[in-house]
Amino acid sequence: AAKELIRCQLEAMREEIAGKNPSPLERLLSERVVVTGLEVQYFEALYAQNMRNLTIPQAEHHQKRLDRAHRSHLSAIRALAQIRKLLKGTARTQINIADKQVNTVG
């Protein structure tokens, strides 16, 4: 039951992050955001679960691993946002007619 719940939650996250009619690149980056987000959650839970029994070096190791996962997640989010911004910009067309600039959307 727990596996099915996690699968459904991940699918909902994929759909929410990808949005309507995602490009193949947006779909790929959305998947990366979901996977790295899951990784952050996993490392946070693992650290919280074992926090009382860890030595200082072990706790530092867990914290570094969590920090790396968090940076990776933010990088994935940033990449998706940049691609969306670029794709949004490609919908505009600039036409120069007789030294006058005309911008069209479409």
PDB file of N, CA and C in Angstrom:
ATOM      1  N   ALA A   1       0.834  -1.193   0.000  1.00  0.00           N
ATOM      2  CA  ALA A   1       0.000   0.000   0.000  1.00  0.00           C
ATOM      3  C   ALA A   1       0.874   1.251   0.000  1.00  0.00           C
ATOM      4  N   ALA A   2       1.963   1.220   0.783  1.00  0.00           N
ATOM      5  CA  ALA A   2       2.858   2.381   0.864  1.00  0.00           C
ATOM      6  C   ALA A   2       3.539   2.641  -0.478  1.00  0.00           C
ATOM      7  N   LYS A   3       3.952   1.569  -1.152  1.00  0.00           N
ATOM      8  CA  LYS A   3       4.591   1.724  -2.467  1.00  0.00           C
ATOM      9  C   LYS A   3       3.625   2.338  -3.473  1.00  0.00           C
ATOM     10  N   GLU A   4       2.388   1.890  -3.432  1.00  0.00           N
ATOM     11  CA  GLU A   4       1.381   2.416  -4.351  1.00  0.00           C
ATOM     12  C   GLU A   4       1.104   3.893  -4.068  1.00  0.00           C
ATOM     13  N   LEU A   5       1.067   4.262  -2.793  1.00  0.00           N
ATOM     14  CA  LEU A   5       0.848   5.651  -2.402  1.00  0.00           C
ATOM     15  C   LEU A   5       1.997   6.529  -2.915  1.00  0.00           C
ATOM     16  N   ILE A   6       3.232   6.085  -2.739  1.00  0.00           N
ATOM     17  CA  ILE A   6       4.394   6.832  -3.205  1.00  0.00           C
ATOM     18  C   ILE A   6       4.366   6.952  -4.726  1.00  0.00           C
ATOM     19  N   ARG A   7       4.023   5.877  -5.410  1.00  0.00           N
ATOM     20  CA  ARG A   7       3.948   5.905  -6.870  1.00  0.00           C
ATOM     21  C   ARG A   7       2.919   6.930  -7.340  1.00  0.00           C
ATOM     22  N   CYS A   8       1.771   6.958  -6.700  1.00  0.00           N
ATOM     23  CA  CYS A   8       0.718   7.912  -7.066  1.00  0.00           C
ATOM     24  C   CYS A   8       1.155   9.348  -6.776  1.00  0.00           C
ATOM     25  N   GLN A   9       1.824   9.553  -5.653  1.00  0.00           N
ATOM     26  CA  GLN A   9       2.313  10.893  -5.316  1.00  0.00           C
ATOM     27  C   GLN A   9       3.356  11.368  -6.323  1.00  0.00           C
ATOM     28  N   LEU A  10       4.261  10.479  -6.718  1.00  0.00           N
ATOM     29  CA  LEU A  10       5.284  10.840  -7.699  1.00  0.00           C
ATOM     30  C   LEU A  10       4.655  11.164  -9.054  1.00  0.00           C
ATOM     31  N   GLU A  11       3.671  10.398  -9.443  1.00  0.00           N
ATOM     32  CA  GLU A  11       2.987  10.659 -10.713  1.00  0.00           C
ATOM     33  C   GLU A  11       2.288  12.008 -10.679  1.00  0.00           C
ATOM     34  N   ALA A  12       1.651  12.323  -9.558  1.00  0.00           N
ATOM     35  CA  ALA A  12       0.984  13.624  -9.419  1.00  0.00           C
ATOM     36  C   ALA A  12       2.006  14.759  -9.475  1.00  0.00           C
ATOM     37  N   MET A  13       3.152  14.556  -8.834  1.00  0.00           N
ATOM     38  CA  MET A  13       4.217  15.565  -8.869  1.00  0.00           C
ATOM     39  C   MET A  13       4.724  15.754 -10.297  1.00  0.00           C
ATOM     40  N   ARG A  14       4.922  14.658 -11.010  1.00  0.00           N
ATOM     41  CA  ARG A  14       5.390  14.732 -12.409  1.00  0.00           C
ATOM     42  C   ARG A  14       4.444  15.574 -13.245  1.00  0.00           C
ATOM     43  N   GLU A  15       3.160  15.294 -13.125  1.00  0.00           N
ATOM     44  CA  GLU A  15       2.160  16.013 -13.908  1.00  0.00           C
ATOM     45  C   GLU A  15       2.103  17.483 -13.516  1.00  0.00           C
ATOM     46  N   GLU A  16       2.169  17.755 -12.223  1.00  0.00           N
ATOM     47  CA  GLU A  16       2.097  19.135 -11.752  1.00  0.00           C
ATOM     48  C   GLU A  16       3.312  19.942 -12.199  1.00  0.00           C
ATOM     49  N   ILE A  17       4.485  19.371 -12.086  1.00  0.00           N
ATOM     50  CA  ILE A  17       5.711  20.079 -12.440  1.00  0.00           C
ATOM     51  C   ILE A  17       5.845  20.229 -13.952  1.00  0.00           C
ATOM     52  N   ALA A  18       5.504  19.199 -14.699  1.00  0.00           N
ATOM     53  CA  ALA A  18       5.625  19.249 -16.160  1.00  0.00           C
ATOM     54  C   ALA A  18       4.637  20.238 -16.769  1.00  0.00           C
ATOM     55  N   GLY A  19       3.464  20.352 -16.187  1.00  0.00           N
ATOM     56  CA  GLY A  19       2.464  21.265 -16.720  1.00  0.00           C
ATOM     57  C   GLY A  19       1.741  20.674 -17.917  1.00  0.00           C
ATOM     58  N   LYS A  20       0.949  21.521 -18.549  1.00  0.00           N
ATOM     59  CA  LYS A  20       0.172  21.079 -19.715  1.00  0.00           C
ATOM     60  C   LYS A  20       1.038  21.145 -20.955  1.00  0.00           C
ATOM     61  N   ASN A  21       0.983  20.117 -21.758  1.00  0.00           N
ATOM     62  CA  ASN A  21       1.704  20.039 -23.033  1.00  0.00           C
ATOM     63  C   ASN A  21       3.201  20.373 -22.911  1.00  0.00           C
ATOM     64  N   PRO A  22       3.934  19.657 -22.066  1.00  0.00           N
ATOM     65  CA  PRO A  22       5.361  19.957 -21.939  1.00  0.00           C
ATOM     66  C   PRO A  22       6.137  19.494 -23.170  1.00  0.00           C
ATOM     67  N   SER A  23       7.198  20.223 -23.466  1.00  0.00           N
ATOM     68  CA  SER A  23       8.091  19.790 -24.540  1.00  0.00           C
ATOM     69  C   SER A  23       8.861  18.574 -24.035  1.00  0.00           C
ATOM     70  N   PRO A  24       9.512  17.833 -24.911  1.00  0.00           N
ATOM     71  CA  PRO A  24      10.308  16.690 -24.437  1.00  0.00           C
ATOM     72  C   PRO A  24      11.376  17.094 -23.417  1.00  0.00           C
ATOM     73  N   LEU A  25      11.987  18.247 -23.636  1.00  0.00           N
ATOM     74  CA  LEU A  25      13.017  18.715 -22.699  1.00  0.00           C
ATOM     75  C   LEU A  25      12.403  19.098 -21.364  1.00  0.00           C
ATOM     76  N   GLU A  26      11.257  19.755 -21.383  1.00  0.00           N
ATOM     77  CA  GLU A  26      10.566  20.087 -20.133  1.00  0.00           C
ATOM     78  C   GLU A  26      10.172  18.819 -19.377  1.00  0.00           C
ATOM     79  N   ARG A  27       9.722  17.809 -20.111  1.00  0.00           N
ATOM     80  CA  ARG A  27       9.341  16.540 -19.485  1.00  0.00           C
ATOM     81  C   ARG A  27      10.554  15.897 -18.813  1.00  0.00           C
ATOM     82  N   LEU A  28      11.685  15.904 -19.506  1.00  0.00           N
ATOM     83  CA  LEU A  28      12.917  15.335 -18.965  1.00  0.00           C
ATOM     84  C   LEU A  28      13.373  16.087 -17.716  1.00  0.00           C
ATOM     85  N   LEU A  29      13.374  17.407 -17.790  1.00  0.00           N
ATOM     86  CA  LEU A  29      13.810  18.201 -16.634  1.00  0.00           C
ATOM     87  C   LEU A  29      12.815  18.114 -15.482  1.00  0.00           C
ATOM     88  N   SER A  30      11.538  17.986 -15.799  1.00  0.00           N
ATOM     89  CA  SER A  30      10.529  17.804 -14.748  1.00  0.00           C
ATOM     90  C   SER A  30      10.768  16.499 -14.000  1.00  0.00           C
ATOM     91  N   GLU A  31      11.108  15.461 -14.756  1.00  0.00           N
ATOM     92  CA  GLU A  31      11.423  14.169 -14.131  1.00  0.00           C
ATOM     93  C   GLU A  31      12.640  14.313 -13.208  1.00  0.00           C
ATOM     94  N   ARG A  32      13.621  15.074 -13.660  1.00  0.00           N
ATOM     95  CA  ARG A  32      14.818  15.305 -12.837  1.00  0.00           C
ATOM     96  C   ARG A  32      14.454  16.037 -11.550  1.00  0.00           C
ATOM     97  N   VAL A  33      13.566  17.024 -11.633  1.00  0.00           N
ATOM     98  CA  VAL A  33      13.125  17.754 -10.434  1.00  0.00           C
ATOM     99  C   VAL A  33      12.443  16.792  -9.462  1.00  0.00           C
ATOM    100  N   VAL A  34      11.601  15.917  -9.973  1.00  0.00           N
ATOM    101  CA  VAL A  34      10.893  14.955  -9.121  1.00  0.00           C
ATOM    102  C   VAL A  34      11.889  14.000  -8.455  1.00  0.00           C
ATOM    103  N   VAL A  35      12.822  13.474  -9.234  1.00  0.00           N
ATOM    104  CA  VAL A  35      13.792  12.507  -8.694  1.00  0.00           C
ATOM    105  C   VAL A  35      14.691  13.157  -7.639  1.00  0.00           C
ATOM    106  N   THR A  36      15.191  14.352  -7.930  1.00  0.00           N
ATOM    107  CA  THR A  36      16.072  15.005  -6.953  1.00  0.00           C
ATOM    108  C   THR A  36      15.295  15.424  -5.713  1.00  0.00           C
ATOM    109  N   GLY A  37      14.016  15.781  -5.892  1.00  0.00           N
ATOM    110  CA  GLY A  37      13.180  16.105  -4.732  1.00  0.00           C
ATOM    111  C   GLY A  37      12.964  14.888  -3.846  1.00  0.00           C
ATOM    112  N   LEU A  38      12.746  13.751  -4.486  1.00  0.00           N
ATOM    113  CA  LEU A  38      12.598  12.501  -3.736  1.00  0.00           C
ATOM    114  C   LEU A  38      13.889  12.156  -3.001  1.00  0.00           C
ATOM    115  N   GLU A  39      15.018  12.392  -3.657  1.00  0.00           N
ATOM    116  CA  GLU A  39      16.318  12.133  -3.030  1.00  0.00           C
ATOM    117  C   GLU A  39      16.509  13.007  -1.785  1.00  0.00           C
ATOM    118  N   VAL A  40      16.147  14.276  -1.876  1.00  0.00           N
ATOM    119  CA  VAL A  40      16.255  15.172  -0.714  1.00  0.00           C
ATOM    120  C   VAL A  40      15.383  14.658   0.428  1.00  0.00           C
ATOM    121  N   GLN A  41      14.145  14.290   0.113  1.00  0.00           N
ATOM    122  CA  GLN A  41      13.241  13.775   1.147  1.00  0.00           C
ATOM    123  C   GLN A  41      13.797  12.512   1.796  1.00  0.00           C
ATOM    124  N   TYR A  42      14.354  11.635   0.976  1.00  0.00           N
ATOM    125  CA  TYR A  42      14.918  10.383   1.489  1.00  0.00           C
ATOM    126  C   TYR A  42      16.084  10.655   2.443  1.00  0.00           C
ATOM    127  N   PHE A  43      17.015  11.520   2.020  1.00  0.00           N
ATOM    128  CA  PHE A  43      18.171  11.812   2.875  1.00  0.00           C
ATOM    129  C   PHE A  43      17.771  12.550   4.147  1.00  0.00           C
ATOM    130  N   GLU A  44      16.760  13.410   4.061  1.00  0.00           N
ATOM    131  CA  GLU A  44      16.266  14.085   5.262  1.00  0.00           C
ATOM    132  C   GLU A  44      15.675  13.073   6.241  1.00  0.00           C
ATOM    133  N   ALA A  45      14.874  12.140   5.718  1.00  0.00           N
ATOM    134  CA  ALA A  45      14.254  11.123   6.579  1.00  0.00           C
ATOM    135  C   ALA A  45      15.309  10.211   7.191  1.00  0.00           C
ATOM    136  N   LEU A  46      16.286   9.827   6.391  1.00  0.00           N
ATOM    137  CA  LEU A  46      17.360   8.964   6.876  1.00  0.00           C
ATOM    138  C   LEU A  46      18.152   9.640   7.988  1.00  0.00           C
ATOM    139  N   TYR A  47      18.457  10.913   7.783  1.00  0.00           N
ATOM    140  CA  TYR A  47      19.203  11.678   8.791  1.00  0.00           C
ATOM    141  C   TYR A  47      18.380  11.817  10.074  1.00  0.00           C
ATOM    142  N   ALA A  48      17.103  12.169   9.942  1.00  0.00           N
ATOM    143  CA  ALA A  48      16.250  12.338  11.116  1.00  0.00           C
ATOM    144  C   ALA A  48      16.064  11.029  11.873  1.00  0.00           C
ATOM    145  N   GLN A  49      15.979   9.938  11.130  1.00  0.00           N
ATOM    146  CA  GLN A  49      15.772   8.624  11.739  1.00  0.00           C
ATOM    147  C   GLN A  49      16.981   8.187  12.573  1.00  0.00           C
ATOM    148  N   ASN A  50      18.178   8.531  12.108  1.00  0.00           N
ATOM    149  CA  ASN A  50      19.393   8.060  12.770  1.00  0.00           C
ATOM    150  C   ASN A  50      20.103   9.129  13.591  1.00  0.00           C
ATOM    151  N   MET A  51      19.544  10.304  13.684  1.00  0.00           N
ATOM    152  CA  MET A  51      20.216  11.437  14.302  1.00  0.00           C
ATOM    153  C   MET A  51      20.729  11.150  15.720  1.00  0.00           C
ATOM    154  N   ARG A  52      19.980  10.483  16.511  1.00  0.00           N
ATOM    155  CA  ARG A  52      20.362  10.244  17.921  1.00  0.00           C
ATOM    156  C   ARG A  52      21.549   9.291  18.059  1.00  0.00           C
ATOM    157  N   ASN A  53      21.739   8.409  17.084  1.00  0.00           N
ATOM    158  CA  ASN A  53      22.771   7.384  17.196  1.00  0.00           C
ATOM    159  C   ASN A  53      24.041   7.691  16.412  1.00  0.00           C
ATOM    160  N   LEU A  54      24.131   8.874  15.822  1.00  0.00           N
ATOM    161  CA  LEU A  54      25.273   9.195  14.977  1.00  0.00           C
ATOM    162  C   LEU A  54      26.389   9.881  15.753  1.00  0.00           C
ATOM    163  N   THR A  55      27.598   9.534  15.371  1.00  0.00           N
ATOM    164  CA  THR A  55      28.738  10.283  15.900  1.00  0.00           C
ATOM    165  C   THR A  55      28.800  11.604  15.137  1.00  0.00           C
ATOM    166  N   ILE A  56      29.618  12.523  15.598  1.00  0.00           N
ATOM    167  CA  ILE A  56      29.748  13.807  14.917  1.00  0.00           C
ATOM    168  C   ILE A  56      30.222  13.626  13.474  1.00  0.00           C
ATOM    169  N   PRO A  57      31.262  12.811  13.216  1.00  0.00           N
ATOM    170  CA  PRO A  57      31.661  12.617  11.813  1.00  0.00           C
ATOM    171  C   PRO A  57      30.560  11.990  10.957  1.00  0.00           C
ATOM    172  N   GLN A  58      29.807  11.062  11.519  1.00  0.00           N
ATOM    173  CA  GLN A  58      28.705  10.456  10.764  1.00  0.00           C
ATOM    174  C   GLN A  58      27.611  11.480  10.469  1.00  0.00           C
ATOM    175  N   ALA A  59      27.304  12.315  11.461  1.00  0.00           N
ATOM    176  CA  ALA A  59      26.294  13.360  11.274  1.00  0.00           C
ATOM    177  C   ALA A  59      26.753  14.353  10.201  1.00  0.00           C
ATOM    178  N   GLU A  60      28.044  14.685  10.221  1.00  0.00           N
ATOM    179  CA  GLU A  60      28.581  15.595   9.208  1.00  0.00           C
ATOM    180  C   GLU A  60      28.489  14.967   7.820  1.00  0.00           C
ATOM    181  N   HIS A  61      28.748  13.673   7.736  1.00  0.00           N
ATOM    182  CA  HIS A  61      28.634  12.971   6.458  1.00  0.00           C
ATOM    183  C   HIS A  61      27.198  13.034   5.944  1.00  0.00           C
ATOM    184  N   HIS A  62      26.241  12.762   6.804  1.00  0.00           N
ATOM    185  CA  HIS A  62      24.831  12.816   6.407  1.00  0.00           C
ATOM    186  C   HIS A  62      24.456  14.231   5.962  1.00  0.00           C
ATOM    187  N   GLN A  63      24.944  15.229   6.702  1.00  0.00           N
ATOM    188  CA  GLN A  63      24.609  16.615   6.369  1.00  0.00           C
ATOM    189  C   GLN A  63      25.210  17.021   5.016  1.00  0.00           C
ATOM    190  N   LYS A  64      26.436  16.584   4.744  1.00  0.00           N
ATOM    191  CA  LYS A  64      27.066  16.887   3.452  1.00  0.00           C
ATOM    192  C   LYS A  64      26.302  16.219   2.309  1.00  0.00           C
ATOM    193  N   ARG A  65      25.879  14.982   2.533  1.00  0.00           N
ATOM    194  CA  ARG A  65      25.121  14.263   1.513  1.00  0.00           C
ATOM    195  C   ARG A  65      23.788  14.963   1.256  1.00  0.00           C
ATOM    196  N   LEU A  66      23.160  15.423   2.322  1.00  0.00           N
ATOM    197  CA  LEU A  66      21.896  16.139   2.196  1.00  0.00           C
ATOM    198  C   LEU A  66      22.112  17.479   1.484  1.00  0.00           C
ATOM    199  N   ASP A  67      23.191  18.170   1.809  1.00  0.00           N
ATOM    200  CA  ASP A  67      23.503  19.441   1.140  1.00  0.00           C
ATOM    201  C   ASP A  67      23.727  19.237  -0.356  1.00  0.00           C
ATOM    202  N   ARG A  68      24.450  18.189  -0.732  1.00  0.00           N
ATOM    203  CA  ARG A  68      24.687  17.903  -2.157  1.00  0.00           C
ATOM    204  C   ARG A  68      23.367  17.601  -2.871  1.00  0.00           C
ATOM    205  N   ALA A  69      22.515  16.822  -2.226  1.00  0.00           N
ATOM    206  CA  ALA A  69      21.222  16.488  -2.823  1.00  0.00           C
ATOM    207  C   ALA A  69      20.378  17.751  -2.988  1.00  0.00           C
ATOM    208  N   HIS A  70      20.428  18.627  -2.005  1.00  0.00           N
ATOM    209  CA  HIS A  70      19.661  19.861  -2.069  1.00  0.00           C
ATOM    210  C   HIS A  70      20.170  20.760  -3.195  1.00  0.00           C
ATOM    211  N   ARG A  71      21.484  20.872  -3.346  1.00  0.00           N
ATOM    212  CA  ARG A  71      22.061  21.660  -4.444  1.00  0.00           C
ATOM    213  C   ARG A  71      21.664  21.081  -5.801  1.00  0.00           C
ATOM    214  N   SER A  72      21.673  19.769  -5.897  1.00  0.00           N
ATOM    215  CA  SER A  72      21.275  19.105  -7.133  1.00  0.00           C
ATOM    216  C   SER A  72      19.814  19.386  -7.453  1.00  0.00           C
ATOM    217  N   HIS A  73      18.981  19.378  -6.441  1.00  0.00           N
ATOM    218  CA  HIS A  73      17.550  19.657  -6.621  1.00  0.00           C
ATOM    219  C   HIS A  73      17.341  21.096  -7.087  1.00  0.00           C
ATOM    220  N   LEU A  74      18.018  22.031  -6.446  1.00  0.00           N
ATOM    221  CA  LEU A  74      17.895  23.431  -6.858  1.00  0.00           C
ATOM    222  C   LEU A  74      18.417  23.642  -8.275  1.00  0.00           C
ATOM    223  N   SER A  75      19.463  22.923  -8.630  1.00  0.00           N
ATOM    224  CA  SER A  75      20.000  23.001  -9.988  1.00  0.00           C
ATOM    225  C   SER A  75      18.976  22.499 -11.006  1.00  0.00           C
ATOM    226  N   ALA A  76      18.291  21.432 -10.682  1.00  0.00           N
ATOM    227  CA  ALA A  76      17.260  20.886 -11.572  1.00  0.00           C
ATOM    228  C   ALA A  76      16.109  21.873 -11.737  1.00  0.00           C
ATOM    229  N   ILE A  77      15.707  22.492 -10.648  1.00  0.00           N
ATOM    230  CA  ILE A  77      14.631  23.488 -10.700  1.00  0.00           C
ATOM    231  C   ILE A  77      15.054  24.680 -11.548  1.00  0.00           C
ATOM    232  N   ARG A  78      16.276  25.132 -11.334  1.00  0.00           N
ATOM    233  CA  ARG A  78      16.807  26.274 -12.084  1.00  0.00           C
ATOM    234  C   ARG A  78      16.857  25.957 -13.589  1.00  0.00           C
ATOM    235  N   ALA A  79      17.313  24.762 -13.935  1.00  0.00           N
ATOM    236  CA  ALA A  79      17.400  24.368 -15.344  1.00  0.00           C
ATOM    237  C   ALA A  79      16.017  24.334 -15.990  1.00  0.00           C
ATOM    238  N   LEU A  80      15.036  23.802 -15.283  1.00  0.00           N
ATOM    239  CA  LEU A  80      13.676  23.758 -15.813  1.00  0.00           C
ATOM    240  C   LEU A  80      13.137  25.175 -16.010  1.00  0.00           C
ATOM    241  N   ALA A  81      13.361  26.042 -15.040  1.00  0.00           N
ATOM    242  CA  ALA A  81      12.886  27.427 -15.158  1.00  0.00           C
ATOM    243  C   ALA A  81      13.549  28.136 -16.337  1.00  0.00           C
ATOM    244  N   GLN A  82      14.836  27.910 -16.534  1.00  0.00           N
ATOM    245  CA  GLN A  82      15.541  28.543 -17.647  1.00  0.00           C
ATOM    246  C   GLN A  82      15.012  28.052 -18.988  1.00  0.00           C
ATOM    247  N   ILE A  83      14.791  26.764 -19.115  1.00  0.00           N
ATOM    248  CA  ILE A  83      14.266  26.209 -20.363  1.00  0.00           C
ATOM    249  C   ILE A  83      12.872  26.758 -20.638  1.00  0.00           C
ATOM    250  N   ARG A  84      12.050  26.844 -19.611  1.00  0.00           N
ATOM    251  CA  ARG A  84      10.703  27.388 -19.808  1.00  0.00           C
ATOM    252  C   ARG A  84      10.763  28.846 -20.253  1.00  0.00           C
ATOM    253  N   LYS A  85      11.683  29.583 -19.677  1.00  0.00           N
ATOM    254  CA  LYS A  85      11.849  30.987 -20.070  1.00  0.00           C
ATOM    255  C   LYS A  85      12.300  31.076 -21.526  1.00  0.00           C
ATOM    256  N   LEU A  86      13.240  30.226 -21.918  1.00  0.00           N
ATOM    257  CA  LEU A  86      13.718  30.224 -23.296  1.00  0.00           C
ATOM    258  C   LEU A  86      12.614  29.803 -24.270  1.00  0.00           C
ATOM    259  N   LEU A  87      11.872  28.763 -23.909  1.00  0.00           N
ATOM    260  CA  LEU A  87      10.792  28.291 -24.784  1.00  0.00           C
ATOM    261  C   LEU A  87       9.676  29.326 -24.895  1.00  0.00           C
ATOM    262  N   LYS A  88       9.434  30.018 -23.811  1.00  0.00           N
ATOM    263  CA  LYS A  88       8.419  31.064 -23.826  1.00  0.00           C
ATOM    264  C   LYS A  88       8.861  32.194 -24.756  1.00  0.00           C
ATOM    265  N   GLY A  89      10.162  32.478 -24.758  1.00  0.00           N
ATOM    266  CA  GLY A  89      10.706  33.525 -25.613  1.00  0.00           C
ATOM    267  C   GLY A  89      10.674  33.174 -27.084  1.00  0.00           C
ATOM    268  N   THR A  90      10.669  31.886 -27.409  1.00  0.00           N
ATOM    269  CA  THR A  90      10.655  31.488 -28.823  1.00  0.00           C
ATOM    270  C   THR A  90       9.281  31.675 -29.446  1.00  0.00           C
ATOM    271  N   ALA A  91       8.277  31.928 -28.630  1.00  0.00           N
ATOM    272  CA  ALA A  91       6.941  32.155 -29.166  1.00  0.00           C
ATOM    273  C   ALA A  91       6.815  33.563 -29.761  1.00  0.00           C
ATOM    274  N   ARG A  92       7.770  34.420 -29.490  1.00  0.00           N
ATOM    275  CA  ARG A  92       7.758  35.777 -30.033  1.00  0.00           C
ATOM    276  C   ARG A  92       8.575  35.823 -31.312  1.00  0.00           C
ATOM    277  N   THR A  93       8.082  36.577 -32.256  1.00  0.00           N
ATOM    278  CA  THR A  93       8.780  36.760 -33.514  1.00  0.00           C
ATOM    279  C   THR A  93       8.991  38.251 -33.719  1.00  0.00           C
ATOM    280  N   GLN A  94      10.168  38.611 -34.167  1.00  0.00           N
ATOM    281  CA  GLN A  94      10.466  40.012 -34.425  1.00  0.00           C
ATOM    282  C   GLN A  94      10.615  40.208 -35.929  1.00  0.00           C
ATOM    283  N   ILE A  95       9.899  41.195 -36.450  1.00  0.00           N
ATOM    284  CA  ILE A  95       9.946  41.483 -37.882  1.00  0.00           C
ATOM    285  C   ILE A  95      10.322  42.946 -38.054  1.00  0.00           C
ATOM    286  N   ASN A  96      11.279  43.216 -38.910  1.00  0.00           N
ATOM    287  CA  ASN A  96      11.655  44.590 -39.227  1.00  0.00           C
ATOM    288  C   ASN A  96      11.171  44.924 -40.626  1.00  0.00           C
ATOM    289  N   ILE A  97      10.300  45.926 -40.729  1.00  0.00           N
ATOM    290  CA  ILE A  97       9.742  46.364 -41.999  1.00  0.00           C
ATOM    291  C   ILE A  97      10.012  47.861 -42.127  1.00  0.00           C
ATOM    292  N   ALA A  98      10.765  48.214 -43.144  1.00  0.00           N
ATOM    293  CA  ALA A  98      11.066  49.628 -43.431  1.00  0.00           C
ATOM    294  C   ALA A  98      11.556  50.343 -42.182  1.00  0.00           C
ATOM    295  N   ASP A  99      12.550  49.781 -41.541  1.00  0.00           N
ATOM    296  CA  ASP A  99      13.172  50.347 -40.345  1.00  0.00           C
ATOM    297  C   ASP A  99      12.233  50.481 -39.149  1.00  0.00           C
ATOM    298  N   LYS A 100      11.091  49.813 -39.168  1.00  0.00           N
ATOM    299  CA  LYS A 100      10.186  49.798 -38.017  1.00  0.00           C
ATOM    300  C   LYS A 100      10.111  48.373 -37.499  1.00  0.00           C
ATOM    301  N   GLN A 101      10.217  48.256 -36.207  1.00  0.00           N
ATOM    302  CA  GLN A 101      10.202  46.933 -35.577  1.00  0.00           C
ATOM    303  C   GLN A 101       8.784  46.550 -35.203  1.00  0.00           C
ATOM    304  N   VAL A 102       8.381  45.343 -35.561  1.00  0.00           N
ATOM    305  CA  VAL A 102       7.074  44.820 -35.215  1.00  0.00           C
ATOM    306  C   VAL A 102       7.278  43.516 -34.481  1.00  0.00           C
ATOM    307  N   ASN A 103       6.725  43.393 -33.285  1.00  0.00           N
ATOM    308  CA  ASN A 103       6.799  42.162 -32.506  1.00  0.00           C
ATOM    309  C   ASN A 103       5.475  41.444 -32.581  1.00  0.00           C
ATOM    310  N   THR A 104       5.522  40.159 -32.863  1.00  0.00           N
ATOM    311  CA  THR A 104       4.296  39.353 -32.917  1.00  0.00           C
ATOM    312  C   THR A 104       4.408  38.215 -31.940  1.00  0.00           C
ATOM    313  N   VAL A 105       3.286  37.740 -31.478  1.00  0.00           N
ATOM    314  CA  VAL A 105       3.247  36.592 -30.585  1.00  0.00           C
ATOM    315  C   VAL A 105       2.503  35.490 -31.307  1.00  0.00           C
ATOM    316  N   GLY A 106       3.065  34.275 -31.222  1.00  0.00           N
ATOM    317  CA  GLY A 106       2.345  33.191 -31.868  1.00  0.00           C
ATOM    318  C   GLY A 106       3.190  32.034 -32.205  1.00  0.00           C
TER     319      GLY A 106
END
